[in-house]
Amino acid sequence: LKTSDRSLRVMACVKDLGAAELLPICESLKGKLATIAYEHPGYEMKVSGMSVVSAYRVRQMITDLIYSLTTAAVLILVLLTLAFRSFWLGLVSVIPNAIPLVATAAILSLAGEPLRYASVVCFCISLGLAVDDTIHFLWRYRRQSRELTDRVAAIRKTFLLMAPALVTTTVLLLIGFGAAIFSPVPTLRVFGGTACLAILWALAGDLVVLPALLAC
């Protein structure tokens, strides 16, 4: 496509392979174009387009996601330690909060689903929901541990009191986010499916893993 007397645009359709597969192709193409430009002084060649820009943006997004989630985990540990005045409770809270992130990422990887912007948003949402449920569970456990001398009995009482509320909240969230799965827009379907997976794993972390950690 000739855009002016001194420029030429070569256009090609590229399949959405994801940033992990597309970036090496872009880097290889940029290297070859740089070699051609070096052999022909006065000519400038570059790779551009929506697919290329999105691939590089996604790489930066993944890096920012790692830093932000790591920072959030440290802040959660510090704040919960201060709130409950117990380093061990703060440390225990990190594992259930990490489960929805790690488990959802593993499922996406096994399914061959690349990391998308919608997935990143779901990771942030699931972390917030998991932390909220963990705080409620630990707060109730602290109250029960003051009333009951037996730690296992306190955990059992906390579970019986908190499980119905957490399950009800999870079901309502699944209904809300699950509606996006039936959307004709692929991005919304990915968002809805990833959110539902993360919410279910957050519930498992707070009702299965957290009581076990407290018992230990």
N, C-alpha and C. Protein backbone atom coordinates (compact mmCIF):
# COMPACT_ATOMS: atom_id res chain seq x y z
N LEU A 1 0.86 -1.19 0.00
CA LEU A 1 0.00 0.00 0.00
C LEU A 1 0.90 1.23 0.00
N LYS A 2 0.87 2.00 -1.09
CA LYS A 2 1.70 3.19 -1.20
C LYS A 2 0.99 4.35 -0.51
N THR A 3 1.59 4.87 0.57
CA THR A 3 0.97 5.94 1.34
C THR A 3 1.43 7.32 0.90
N SER A 4 2.62 7.42 0.33
CA SER A 4 3.13 8.69 -0.18
C SER A 4 4.27 8.38 -1.14
N ASP A 5 4.90 9.44 -1.67
CA ASP A 5 5.99 9.23 -2.60
C ASP A 5 7.25 8.69 -1.93
N ARG A 6 7.33 8.81 -0.59
CA ARG A 6 8.55 8.40 0.10
C ARG A 6 8.30 7.31 1.15
N SER A 7 7.14 6.68 1.09
CA SER A 7 6.87 5.63 2.07
C SER A 7 6.04 4.52 1.42
N LEU A 8 6.18 3.34 1.98
CA LEU A 8 5.47 2.17 1.48
C LEU A 8 5.07 1.30 2.67
N ARG A 9 3.82 0.89 2.71
CA ARG A 9 3.32 0.07 3.80
C ARG A 9 2.98 -1.31 3.27
N VAL A 10 3.57 -2.32 3.88
CA VAL A 10 3.29 -3.72 3.53
C VAL A 10 2.40 -4.29 4.62
N MET A 11 1.22 -4.72 4.27
CA MET A 11 0.25 -5.20 5.24
C MET A 11 0.05 -6.71 5.09
N ALA A 12 -0.12 -7.39 6.22
CA ALA A 12 -0.36 -8.83 6.22
C ALA A 12 -1.25 -9.18 7.41
N CYS A 13 -2.07 -10.20 7.25
CA CYS A 13 -2.94 -10.66 8.34
C CYS A 13 -2.15 -11.61 9.24
N VAL A 14 -2.28 -11.41 10.53
CA VAL A 14 -1.55 -12.23 11.50
C VAL A 14 -2.57 -12.86 12.45
N LYS A 15 -2.45 -14.15 12.66
CA LYS A 15 -3.34 -14.84 13.58
C LYS A 15 -3.02 -14.44 15.02
N ASP A 16 -4.06 -14.34 15.83
CA ASP A 16 -3.87 -13.98 17.24
C ASP A 16 -3.31 -15.18 17.99
N LEU A 17 -1.98 -15.30 18.00
CA LEU A 17 -1.32 -16.43 18.64
C LEU A 17 -1.02 -16.19 20.11
N GLY A 18 -1.16 -14.94 20.55
CA GLY A 18 -0.76 -14.60 21.91
C GLY A 18 0.64 -14.01 21.91
N ALA A 19 0.92 -13.22 22.93
CA ALA A 19 2.19 -12.51 22.99
C ALA A 19 3.37 -13.47 23.08
N ALA A 20 3.22 -14.60 23.78
CA ALA A 20 4.34 -15.52 23.97
C ALA A 20 4.86 -16.06 22.65
N GLU A 21 3.97 -16.31 21.69
CA GLU A 21 4.39 -16.83 20.39
C GLU A 21 4.64 -15.73 19.37
N LEU A 22 3.96 -14.62 19.51
CA LEU A 22 4.07 -13.56 18.52
C LEU A 22 5.33 -12.71 18.70
N LEU A 23 5.76 -12.51 19.95
CA LEU A 23 6.93 -11.65 20.19
C LEU A 23 8.21 -12.19 19.54
N PRO A 24 8.53 -13.48 19.65
CA PRO A 24 9.74 -13.96 18.96
C PRO A 24 9.68 -13.74 17.45
N ILE A 25 8.50 -13.89 16.86
CA ILE A 25 8.35 -13.65 15.43
C ILE A 25 8.62 -12.18 15.11
N CYS A 26 8.07 -11.29 15.94
CA CYS A 26 8.27 -9.85 15.72
C CYS A 26 9.74 -9.48 15.88
N GLU A 27 10.40 -10.04 16.89
CA GLU A 27 11.82 -9.74 17.11
C GLU A 27 12.66 -10.23 15.94
N SER A 28 12.35 -11.43 15.43
CA SER A 28 13.08 -11.96 14.29
C SER A 28 12.88 -11.09 13.04
N LEU A 29 11.63 -10.65 12.83
CA LEU A 29 11.33 -9.80 11.68
C LEU A 29 12.01 -8.44 11.80
N LYS A 30 12.04 -7.89 13.01
CA LYS A 30 12.71 -6.61 13.21
C LYS A 30 14.20 -6.73 12.95
N GLY A 31 14.79 -7.84 13.36
CA GLY A 31 16.22 -8.05 13.10
C GLY A 31 16.52 -8.13 11.62
N LYS A 32 15.69 -8.84 10.87
CA LYS A 32 15.91 -8.96 9.42
C LYS A 32 15.72 -7.61 8.72
N LEU A 33 14.71 -6.85 9.15
CA LEU A 33 14.50 -5.54 8.55
C LEU A 33 15.65 -4.58 8.88
N ALA A 34 16.20 -4.71 10.09
CA ALA A 34 17.34 -3.86 10.45
C ALA A 34 18.55 -4.18 9.58
N THR A 35 18.72 -5.46 9.26
CA THR A 35 19.83 -5.85 8.37
C THR A 35 19.65 -5.28 6.97
N ILE A 36 18.42 -5.34 6.47
CA ILE A 36 18.14 -4.79 5.14
C ILE A 36 18.34 -3.28 5.13
N ALA A 37 17.88 -2.61 6.19
CA ALA A 37 18.04 -1.15 6.27
C ALA A 37 19.51 -0.77 6.36
N TYR A 38 20.31 -1.60 7.04
CA TYR A 38 21.74 -1.32 7.15
C TYR A 38 22.43 -1.45 5.79
N GLU A 39 21.97 -2.42 5.00
CA GLU A 39 22.56 -2.62 3.69
C GLU A 39 22.10 -1.59 2.67
N HIS A 40 21.05 -0.85 2.98
CA HIS A 40 20.53 0.17 2.06
C HIS A 40 20.38 1.48 2.84
N PRO A 41 21.45 2.25 2.98
CA PRO A 41 21.40 3.51 3.73
C PRO A 41 20.33 4.45 3.18
N GLY A 42 19.68 5.15 4.09
CA GLY A 42 18.63 6.09 3.70
C GLY A 42 17.23 5.52 3.81
N TYR A 43 17.15 4.20 4.04
CA TYR A 43 15.85 3.57 4.18
C TYR A 43 15.62 3.19 5.66
N GLU A 44 14.41 3.38 6.10
CA GLU A 44 14.02 3.02 7.47
C GLU A 44 12.86 2.04 7.42
N MET A 45 13.02 0.95 8.15
CA MET A 45 11.99 -0.09 8.15
C MET A 45 11.60 -0.43 9.59
N LYS A 46 10.33 -0.61 9.83
CA LYS A 46 9.87 -0.94 11.18
C LYS A 46 8.62 -1.81 11.10
N VAL A 47 8.40 -2.56 12.17
CA VAL A 47 7.24 -3.44 12.28
C VAL A 47 6.22 -2.77 13.18
N SER A 48 4.98 -2.69 12.72
CA SER A 48 3.94 -2.02 13.50
C SER A 48 2.61 -2.75 13.26
N GLY A 49 1.57 -2.18 13.81
CA GLY A 49 0.25 -2.79 13.67
C GLY A 49 -0.35 -3.15 15.01
N MET A 50 -1.63 -3.40 15.03
CA MET A 50 -2.34 -3.67 16.27
C MET A 50 -1.81 -4.93 16.95
N SER A 51 -1.55 -6.00 16.18
CA SER A 51 -1.08 -7.25 16.78
C SER A 51 0.29 -7.06 17.43
N VAL A 52 1.17 -6.33 16.75
CA VAL A 52 2.52 -6.12 17.29
C VAL A 52 2.47 -5.26 18.55
N VAL A 53 1.74 -4.16 18.49
CA VAL A 53 1.64 -3.27 19.65
C VAL A 53 1.01 -4.00 20.83
N SER A 54 -0.04 -4.79 20.57
CA SER A 54 -0.71 -5.52 21.65
C SER A 54 0.24 -6.54 22.29
N ALA A 55 1.06 -7.20 21.47
CA ALA A 55 1.98 -8.19 22.01
C ALA A 55 2.98 -7.56 22.97
N TYR A 56 3.53 -6.41 22.59
CA TYR A 56 4.49 -5.74 23.48
C TYR A 56 3.80 -5.17 24.71
N ARG A 57 2.58 -4.70 24.54
CA ARG A 57 1.84 -4.19 25.69
C ARG A 57 1.52 -5.30 26.68
N VAL A 58 1.18 -6.48 26.17
CA VAL A 58 0.86 -7.60 27.03
C VAL A 58 2.09 -8.02 27.84
N ARG A 59 3.27 -8.00 27.20
CA ARG A 59 4.49 -8.34 27.94
C ARG A 59 4.72 -7.37 29.09
N GLN A 60 4.52 -6.09 28.84
CA GLN A 60 4.66 -5.10 29.90
C GLN A 60 3.58 -5.29 30.96
N MET A 61 2.39 -5.68 30.51
CA MET A 61 1.29 -5.91 31.44
C MET A 61 1.60 -7.07 32.38
N ILE A 62 2.20 -8.13 31.82
CA ILE A 62 2.55 -9.28 32.66
C ILE A 62 3.59 -8.89 33.70
N THR A 63 4.58 -8.10 33.28
CA THR A 63 5.61 -7.65 34.22
C THR A 63 5.00 -6.80 35.32
N ASP A 64 4.12 -5.88 34.94
CA ASP A 64 3.46 -5.03 35.94
C ASP A 64 2.58 -5.87 36.88
N LEU A 65 1.93 -6.90 36.31
CA LEU A 65 1.07 -7.76 37.13
C LEU A 65 1.88 -8.48 38.20
N ILE A 66 3.05 -8.99 37.82
CA ILE A 66 3.89 -9.70 38.77
C ILE A 66 4.31 -8.78 39.90
N TYR A 67 4.75 -7.58 39.55
CA TYR A 67 5.18 -6.62 40.57
C TYR A 67 4.02 -6.20 41.47
N SER A 68 2.87 -5.94 40.86
CA SER A 68 1.74 -5.45 41.65
C SER A 68 1.19 -6.51 42.59
N LEU A 69 1.08 -7.76 42.10
CA LEU A 69 0.58 -8.83 42.96
C LEU A 69 1.57 -9.17 44.06
N THR A 70 2.86 -9.11 43.76
CA THR A 70 3.87 -9.34 44.79
C THR A 70 3.79 -8.27 45.87
N THR A 71 3.67 -7.02 45.43
CA THR A 71 3.53 -5.92 46.39
C THR A 71 2.27 -6.06 47.22
N ALA A 72 1.17 -6.46 46.56
CA ALA A 72 -0.10 -6.64 47.29
C ALA A 72 0.02 -7.75 48.32
N ALA A 73 0.71 -8.84 47.98
CA ALA A 73 0.87 -9.94 48.93
C ALA A 73 1.65 -9.50 50.17
N VAL A 74 2.70 -8.72 49.95
CA VAL A 74 3.49 -8.23 51.08
C VAL A 74 2.67 -7.28 51.95
N LEU A 75 1.92 -6.38 51.30
CA LEU A 75 1.09 -5.44 52.07
C LEU A 75 -0.01 -6.17 52.84
N ILE A 76 -0.60 -7.18 52.22
CA ILE A 76 -1.63 -7.96 52.91
C ILE A 76 -1.04 -8.64 54.14
N LEU A 77 0.15 -9.22 53.99
CA LEU A 77 0.82 -9.86 55.13
C LEU A 77 1.06 -8.87 56.26
N VAL A 78 1.55 -7.69 55.92
CA VAL A 78 1.86 -6.68 56.94
C VAL A 78 0.58 -6.18 57.61
N LEU A 79 -0.42 -5.85 56.81
CA LEU A 79 -1.65 -5.28 57.37
C LEU A 79 -2.41 -6.28 58.22
N LEU A 80 -2.51 -7.53 57.76
CA LEU A 80 -3.21 -8.54 58.55
C LEU A 80 -2.43 -8.89 59.82
N THR A 81 -1.12 -8.86 59.73
CA THR A 81 -0.31 -9.09 60.94
C THR A 81 -0.57 -8.01 61.97
N LEU A 82 -0.65 -6.76 61.51
CA LEU A 82 -0.93 -5.66 62.43
C LEU A 82 -2.37 -5.72 62.95
N ALA A 83 -3.31 -6.08 62.06
CA ALA A 83 -4.72 -6.09 62.46
C ALA A 83 -4.99 -7.18 63.50
N PHE A 84 -4.42 -8.37 63.29
CA PHE A 84 -4.66 -9.48 64.22
C PHE A 84 -3.59 -9.58 65.30
N ARG A 85 -2.57 -8.71 65.20
CA ARG A 85 -1.47 -8.70 66.18
C ARG A 85 -0.83 -10.08 66.31
N SER A 86 -0.69 -10.74 65.17
CA SER A 86 -0.10 -12.08 65.15
C SER A 86 0.60 -12.28 63.81
N PHE A 87 1.90 -12.51 63.87
CA PHE A 87 2.63 -12.75 62.61
C PHE A 87 2.18 -14.05 61.96
N TRP A 88 1.87 -15.08 62.77
CA TRP A 88 1.49 -16.37 62.22
C TRP A 88 0.16 -16.30 61.50
N LEU A 89 -0.80 -15.59 62.05
CA LEU A 89 -2.09 -15.43 61.35
C LEU A 89 -1.91 -14.66 60.04
N GLY A 90 -1.05 -13.66 60.08
CA GLY A 90 -0.76 -12.92 58.85
C GLY A 90 -0.11 -13.81 57.81
N LEU A 91 0.83 -14.65 58.25
CA LEU A 91 1.52 -15.56 57.32
C LEU A 91 0.56 -16.62 56.79
N VAL A 92 -0.29 -17.15 57.66
CA VAL A 92 -1.26 -18.17 57.23
C VAL A 92 -2.22 -17.61 56.18
N SER A 93 -2.56 -16.34 56.28
CA SER A 93 -3.53 -15.75 55.36
C SER A 93 -3.00 -15.63 53.94
N VAL A 94 -1.67 -15.66 53.76
CA VAL A 94 -1.10 -15.48 52.43
C VAL A 94 -1.43 -16.67 51.52
N ILE A 95 -1.38 -17.89 52.07
CA ILE A 95 -1.56 -19.09 51.23
C ILE A 95 -2.97 -19.19 50.65
N PRO A 96 -4.04 -19.05 51.44
CA PRO A 96 -5.38 -19.10 50.83
C PRO A 96 -5.61 -17.98 49.81
N ASN A 97 -4.98 -16.84 50.02
CA ASN A 97 -5.16 -15.74 49.07
C ASN A 97 -4.40 -15.99 47.77
N ALA A 98 -3.33 -16.77 47.85
CA ALA A 98 -2.56 -17.06 46.63
C ALA A 98 -3.16 -18.20 45.82
N ILE A 99 -3.96 -19.05 46.47
CA ILE A 99 -4.51 -20.22 45.78
C ILE A 99 -5.34 -19.86 44.54
N PRO A 100 -6.29 -18.91 44.62
CA PRO A 100 -7.07 -18.61 43.41
C PRO A 100 -6.23 -18.07 42.27
N LEU A 101 -5.17 -17.34 42.58
CA LEU A 101 -4.30 -16.81 41.53
C LEU A 101 -3.50 -17.93 40.86
N VAL A 102 -2.86 -18.75 41.68
CA VAL A 102 -2.00 -19.81 41.15
C VAL A 102 -2.83 -20.88 40.43
N ALA A 103 -3.93 -21.28 41.05
CA ALA A 103 -4.76 -22.34 40.46
C ALA A 103 -5.39 -21.89 39.15
N THR A 104 -5.91 -20.67 39.12
CA THR A 104 -6.53 -20.17 37.88
C THR A 104 -5.50 -20.02 36.77
N ALA A 105 -4.31 -19.52 37.12
CA ALA A 105 -3.25 -19.40 36.12
C ALA A 105 -2.84 -20.77 35.58
N ALA A 106 -2.79 -21.78 36.46
CA ALA A 106 -2.43 -23.13 36.03
C ALA A 106 -3.48 -23.70 35.08
N ILE A 107 -4.76 -23.48 35.39
CA ILE A 107 -5.83 -23.98 34.52
C ILE A 107 -5.78 -23.31 33.15
N LEU A 108 -5.55 -22.01 33.13
CA LEU A 108 -5.43 -21.29 31.85
C LEU A 108 -4.25 -21.82 31.04
N SER A 109 -3.15 -22.11 31.73
CA SER A 109 -1.97 -22.62 31.03
C SER A 109 -2.23 -24.01 30.46
N LEU A 110 -2.85 -24.89 31.25
CA LEU A 110 -3.15 -26.24 30.78
C LEU A 110 -4.15 -26.23 29.63
N ALA A 111 -5.06 -25.26 29.65
CA ALA A 111 -6.06 -25.16 28.58
C ALA A 111 -5.51 -24.49 27.33
N GLY A 112 -4.26 -24.01 27.41
CA GLY A 112 -3.67 -23.33 26.26
C GLY A 112 -4.21 -21.94 26.03
N GLU A 113 -4.81 -21.36 27.05
CA GLU A 113 -5.39 -20.02 26.94
C GLU A 113 -4.32 -18.98 27.27
N PRO A 114 -4.01 -18.07 26.35
CA PRO A 114 -3.00 -17.04 26.64
C PRO A 114 -3.51 -16.04 27.67
N LEU A 115 -2.59 -15.36 28.32
CA LEU A 115 -2.96 -14.35 29.29
C LEU A 115 -3.48 -13.11 28.57
N ARG A 116 -4.70 -12.70 28.89
CA ARG A 116 -5.33 -11.55 28.24
C ARG A 116 -5.59 -10.47 29.30
N TYR A 117 -5.97 -9.30 28.79
CA TYR A 117 -6.28 -8.20 29.71
C TYR A 117 -7.42 -8.59 30.65
N ALA A 118 -8.41 -9.29 30.12
CA ALA A 118 -9.54 -9.71 30.96
C ALA A 118 -9.08 -10.64 32.06
N SER A 119 -8.11 -11.51 31.76
CA SER A 119 -7.60 -12.44 32.77
C SER A 119 -6.90 -11.69 33.89
N VAL A 120 -6.15 -10.65 33.53
CA VAL A 120 -5.44 -9.86 34.53
C VAL A 120 -6.43 -9.18 35.47
N VAL A 121 -7.50 -8.65 34.92
CA VAL A 121 -8.52 -8.02 35.75
C VAL A 121 -9.12 -9.04 36.72
N CYS A 122 -9.34 -10.27 36.24
CA CYS A 122 -9.89 -11.32 37.10
C CYS A 122 -8.95 -11.68 38.23
N PHE A 123 -7.65 -11.67 37.97
CA PHE A 123 -6.68 -11.95 39.03
C PHE A 123 -6.79 -10.92 40.15
N CYS A 124 -6.91 -9.66 39.77
CA CYS A 124 -7.02 -8.60 40.78
C CYS A 124 -8.32 -8.73 41.57
N ILE A 125 -9.42 -9.04 40.86
CA ILE A 125 -10.71 -9.20 41.54
C ILE A 125 -10.67 -10.39 42.49
N SER A 126 -10.13 -11.52 42.02
CA SER A 126 -10.10 -12.72 42.86
C SER A 126 -9.24 -12.52 44.10
N LEU A 127 -8.15 -11.77 43.97
CA LEU A 127 -7.32 -11.49 45.14
C LEU A 127 -8.11 -10.68 46.17
N GLY A 128 -8.84 -9.68 45.71
CA GLY A 128 -9.64 -8.88 46.63
C GLY A 128 -10.73 -9.69 47.31
N LEU A 129 -11.41 -10.57 46.56
CA LEU A 129 -12.46 -11.40 47.15
C LEU A 129 -11.89 -12.41 48.14
N ALA A 130 -10.74 -13.01 47.78
CA ALA A 130 -10.12 -13.99 48.68
C ALA A 130 -9.69 -13.33 49.98
N VAL A 131 -9.10 -12.15 49.89
CA VAL A 131 -8.66 -11.44 51.10
C VAL A 131 -9.86 -11.09 51.98
N ASP A 132 -10.95 -10.66 51.35
CA ASP A 132 -12.15 -10.30 52.11
C ASP A 132 -12.68 -11.51 52.89
N ASP A 133 -12.79 -12.67 52.21
CA ASP A 133 -13.28 -13.87 52.89
C ASP A 133 -12.31 -14.32 53.99
N THR A 134 -11.02 -14.20 53.73
CA THR A 134 -10.02 -14.61 54.72
C THR A 134 -10.11 -13.75 55.98
N ILE A 135 -10.30 -12.45 55.80
CA ILE A 135 -10.41 -11.55 56.95
C ILE A 135 -11.61 -11.92 57.80
N HIS A 136 -12.76 -12.17 57.16
CA HIS A 136 -13.96 -12.55 57.91
C HIS A 136 -13.74 -13.85 58.69
N PHE A 137 -13.11 -14.83 58.03
CA PHE A 137 -12.90 -16.12 58.67
C PHE A 137 -11.94 -15.97 59.86
N LEU A 138 -10.82 -15.28 59.67
CA LEU A 138 -9.84 -15.13 60.75
C LEU A 138 -10.39 -14.30 61.90
N TRP A 139 -11.18 -13.29 61.58
CA TRP A 139 -11.76 -12.46 62.64
C TRP A 139 -12.71 -13.28 63.51
N ARG A 140 -13.53 -14.10 62.85
CA ARG A 140 -14.44 -14.96 63.60
C ARG A 140 -13.65 -16.01 64.40
N TYR A 141 -12.57 -16.51 63.83
CA TYR A 141 -11.75 -17.49 64.54
C TYR A 141 -11.13 -16.89 65.79
N ARG A 142 -10.67 -15.65 65.71
CA ARG A 142 -10.10 -15.00 66.89
C ARG A 142 -11.13 -14.88 68.01
N ARG A 143 -12.37 -14.54 67.65
CA ARG A 143 -13.42 -14.42 68.66
C ARG A 143 -13.74 -15.78 69.28
N GLN A 144 -13.81 -16.80 68.44
CA GLN A 144 -14.13 -18.13 68.96
C GLN A 144 -12.98 -18.69 69.80
N SER A 145 -11.75 -18.38 69.43
CA SER A 145 -10.61 -18.89 70.19
C SER A 145 -10.53 -18.28 71.58
N ARG A 146 -11.10 -17.07 71.74
CA ARG A 146 -11.15 -16.47 73.08
C ARG A 146 -12.21 -17.13 73.95
N GLU A 147 -13.29 -17.61 73.31
CA GLU A 147 -14.38 -18.23 74.06
C GLU A 147 -14.14 -19.71 74.33
N LEU A 148 -13.45 -20.38 73.40
CA LEU A 148 -13.21 -21.81 73.53
C LEU A 148 -11.72 -22.05 73.73
N THR A 149 -11.38 -22.89 74.68
CA THR A 149 -9.97 -23.19 74.95
C THR A 149 -9.37 -24.15 73.93
N ASP A 150 -10.22 -25.00 73.35
CA ASP A 150 -9.74 -25.98 72.37
C ASP A 150 -9.66 -25.32 70.99
N ARG A 151 -8.47 -25.36 70.38
CA ARG A 151 -8.30 -24.70 69.09
C ARG A 151 -9.10 -25.38 67.99
N VAL A 152 -9.13 -26.71 67.98
CA VAL A 152 -9.89 -27.44 66.97
C VAL A 152 -11.38 -27.13 67.08
N ALA A 153 -11.88 -27.03 68.32
CA ALA A 153 -13.29 -26.69 68.51
C ALA A 153 -13.57 -25.28 68.01
N ALA A 154 -12.63 -24.36 68.21
CA ALA A 154 -12.80 -22.99 67.72
C ALA A 154 -12.83 -22.95 66.20
N ILE A 155 -11.98 -23.76 65.58
CA ILE A 155 -11.96 -23.81 64.11
C ILE A 155 -13.27 -24.39 63.59
N ARG A 156 -13.73 -25.47 64.24
CA ARG A 156 -14.99 -26.10 63.82
C ARG A 156 -16.16 -25.15 63.97
N LYS A 157 -16.23 -24.42 65.06
CA LYS A 157 -17.31 -23.46 65.27
C LYS A 157 -17.24 -22.32 64.26
N THR A 158 -16.03 -21.86 63.98
CA THR A 158 -15.86 -20.81 62.98
C THR A 158 -16.32 -21.29 61.61
N PHE A 159 -15.97 -22.51 61.27
CA PHE A 159 -16.37 -23.06 59.97
C PHE A 159 -17.88 -23.14 59.85
N LEU A 160 -18.55 -23.63 60.90
CA LEU A 160 -20.00 -23.77 60.87
C LEU A 160 -20.70 -22.41 60.76
N LEU A 161 -20.10 -21.38 61.36
CA LEU A 161 -20.70 -20.05 61.31
C LEU A 161 -20.43 -19.33 59.99
N MET A 162 -19.23 -19.53 59.42
CA MET A 162 -18.83 -18.77 58.25
C MET A 162 -19.15 -19.45 56.93
N ALA A 163 -19.19 -20.78 56.91
CA ALA A 163 -19.39 -21.50 55.65
C ALA A 163 -20.68 -21.10 54.93
N PRO A 164 -21.84 -21.03 55.61
CA PRO A 164 -23.05 -20.64 54.88
C PRO A 164 -22.95 -19.26 54.23
N ALA A 165 -22.37 -18.30 54.95
CA ALA A 165 -22.25 -16.94 54.39
C ALA A 165 -21.30 -16.92 53.20
N LEU A 166 -20.16 -17.60 53.32
CA LEU A 166 -19.19 -17.60 52.23
C LEU A 166 -19.73 -18.33 51.00
N VAL A 167 -20.43 -19.44 51.23
CA VAL A 167 -21.00 -20.19 50.10
C VAL A 167 -22.08 -19.36 49.41
N THR A 168 -22.93 -18.71 50.20
CA THR A 168 -23.98 -17.87 49.61
C THR A 168 -23.40 -16.73 48.79
N THR A 169 -22.38 -16.07 49.33
CA THR A 169 -21.72 -14.99 48.60
C THR A 169 -21.09 -15.50 47.31
N THR A 170 -20.48 -16.68 47.38
CA THR A 170 -19.84 -17.25 46.19
C THR A 170 -20.87 -17.59 45.11
N VAL A 171 -21.99 -18.15 45.52
CA VAL A 171 -23.05 -18.49 44.54
C VAL A 171 -23.56 -17.23 43.85
N LEU A 172 -23.79 -16.18 44.62
CA LEU A 172 -24.26 -14.93 44.02
C LEU A 172 -23.24 -14.34 43.05
N LEU A 173 -21.96 -14.40 43.43
CA LEU A 173 -20.92 -13.90 42.54
C LEU A 173 -20.82 -14.75 41.27
N LEU A 174 -20.98 -16.06 41.41
CA LEU A 174 -20.94 -16.94 40.24
C LEU A 174 -22.08 -16.63 39.28
N ILE A 175 -23.25 -16.34 39.83
CA ILE A 175 -24.39 -15.99 38.97
C ILE A 175 -24.11 -14.69 38.23
N GLY A 176 -23.55 -13.72 38.96
CA GLY A 176 -23.27 -12.42 38.33
C GLY A 176 -22.20 -12.51 37.26
N PHE A 177 -21.04 -13.10 37.60
CA PHE A 177 -19.96 -13.19 36.63
C PHE A 177 -20.23 -14.25 35.58
N GLY A 178 -20.98 -15.31 35.96
CA GLY A 178 -21.25 -16.38 35.01
C GLY A 178 -22.11 -15.94 33.84
N ALA A 179 -22.87 -14.87 34.01
CA ALA A 179 -23.70 -14.39 32.89
C ALA A 179 -22.84 -13.97 31.70
N ALA A 180 -21.60 -13.53 31.99
CA ALA A 180 -20.71 -13.10 30.90
C ALA A 180 -20.25 -14.26 30.03
N ILE A 181 -20.33 -15.50 30.55
CA ILE A 181 -19.90 -16.65 29.77
C ILE A 181 -20.75 -16.83 28.51
N PHE A 182 -22.00 -16.42 28.56
CA PHE A 182 -22.92 -16.59 27.43
C PHE A 182 -22.89 -15.40 26.47
N SER A 183 -21.95 -14.49 26.69
CA SER A 183 -21.84 -13.32 25.81
C SER A 183 -21.25 -13.73 24.45
N PRO A 184 -21.70 -13.11 23.37
CA PRO A 184 -21.11 -13.41 22.05
C PRO A 184 -19.71 -12.81 21.88
N VAL A 185 -19.31 -11.91 22.79
CA VAL A 185 -17.99 -11.28 22.71
C VAL A 185 -16.97 -12.20 23.37
N PRO A 186 -15.92 -12.63 22.65
CA PRO A 186 -14.94 -13.57 23.23
C PRO A 186 -14.26 -13.05 24.49
N THR A 187 -13.95 -11.77 24.53
CA THR A 187 -13.26 -11.21 25.70
C THR A 187 -14.13 -11.32 26.94
N LEU A 188 -15.42 -11.07 26.80
CA LEU A 188 -16.33 -11.18 27.94
C LEU A 188 -16.48 -12.62 28.40
N ARG A 189 -16.47 -13.57 27.44
CA ARG A 189 -16.55 -14.98 27.82
C ARG A 189 -15.32 -15.40 28.61
N VAL A 190 -14.16 -14.94 28.18
CA VAL A 190 -12.92 -15.25 28.92
C VAL A 190 -12.97 -14.64 30.30
N PHE A 191 -13.45 -13.40 30.38
CA PHE A 191 -13.54 -12.71 31.67
C PHE A 191 -14.48 -13.46 32.61
N GLY A 192 -15.65 -13.85 32.12
CA GLY A 192 -16.62 -14.54 32.96
C GLY A 192 -16.12 -15.90 33.42
N GLY A 193 -15.53 -16.68 32.50
CA GLY A 193 -15.03 -17.99 32.87
C GLY A 193 -13.87 -17.93 33.85
N THR A 194 -12.94 -17.00 33.61
CA THR A 194 -11.80 -16.86 34.52
C THR A 194 -12.24 -16.39 35.89
N ALA A 195 -13.19 -15.47 35.93
CA ALA A 195 -13.68 -14.96 37.21
C ALA A 195 -14.36 -16.07 38.01
N CYS A 196 -15.16 -16.89 37.35
CA CYS A 196 -15.84 -17.99 38.06
C CYS A 196 -14.83 -18.99 38.62
N LEU A 197 -13.81 -19.31 37.84
CA LEU A 197 -12.77 -20.23 38.33
C LEU A 197 -12.07 -19.65 39.56
N ALA A 198 -11.71 -18.38 39.47
CA ALA A 198 -10.99 -17.75 40.58
C ALA A 198 -11.86 -17.68 41.84
N ILE A 199 -13.14 -17.40 41.68
CA ILE A 199 -14.05 -17.32 42.82
C ILE A 199 -14.20 -18.67 43.49
N LEU A 200 -14.32 -19.73 42.70
CA LEU A 200 -14.43 -21.07 43.27
C LEU A 200 -13.16 -21.48 44.01
N TRP A 201 -12.02 -21.16 43.45
CA TRP A 201 -10.76 -21.47 44.13
C TRP A 201 -10.58 -20.65 45.40
N ALA A 202 -11.07 -19.42 45.38
CA ALA A 202 -11.01 -18.60 46.59
C ALA A 202 -11.84 -19.21 47.71
N LEU A 203 -13.01 -19.73 47.35
CA LEU A 203 -13.84 -20.40 48.36
C LEU A 203 -13.15 -21.65 48.90
N ALA A 204 -12.54 -22.43 48.01
CA ALA A 204 -11.83 -23.63 48.46
C ALA A 204 -10.66 -23.27 49.37
N GLY A 205 -9.97 -22.19 49.05
CA GLY A 205 -8.85 -21.77 49.89
C GLY A 205 -9.27 -21.38 51.28
N ASP A 206 -10.43 -20.71 51.39
CA ASP A 206 -10.87 -20.22 52.70
C ASP A 206 -11.60 -21.28 53.52
N LEU A 207 -12.26 -22.24 52.87
CA LEU A 207 -13.02 -23.24 53.62
C LEU A 207 -12.30 -24.58 53.76
N VAL A 208 -11.26 -24.81 52.99
CA VAL A 208 -10.53 -26.08 53.08
C VAL A 208 -9.10 -25.86 53.57
N VAL A 209 -8.38 -24.99 52.88
CA VAL A 209 -6.96 -24.81 53.20
C VAL A 209 -6.76 -23.99 54.48
N LEU A 210 -7.51 -22.91 54.61
CA LEU A 210 -7.32 -22.04 55.79
C LEU A 210 -7.61 -22.76 57.10
N PRO A 211 -8.72 -23.48 57.26
CA PRO A 211 -8.92 -24.22 58.51
C PRO A 211 -7.82 -25.24 58.79
N ALA A 212 -7.33 -25.91 57.73
CA ALA A 212 -6.26 -26.88 57.92
C ALA A 212 -4.98 -26.21 58.41
N LEU A 213 -4.68 -25.04 57.85
CA LEU A 213 -3.49 -24.31 58.30
C LEU A 213 -3.62 -23.85 59.74
N LEU A 214 -4.80 -23.41 60.11
CA LEU A 214 -5.03 -22.99 61.49
C LEU A 214 -4.90 -24.16 62.45
N ALA A 215 -5.35 -25.34 62.02
CA ALA A 215 -5.24 -26.52 62.87
C ALA A 215 -3.79 -26.94 63.08
N CYS A 216 -2.95 -26.62 62.09
CA CYS A 216 -1.53 -26.99 62.20
C CYS A 216 -0.72 -25.95 62.98
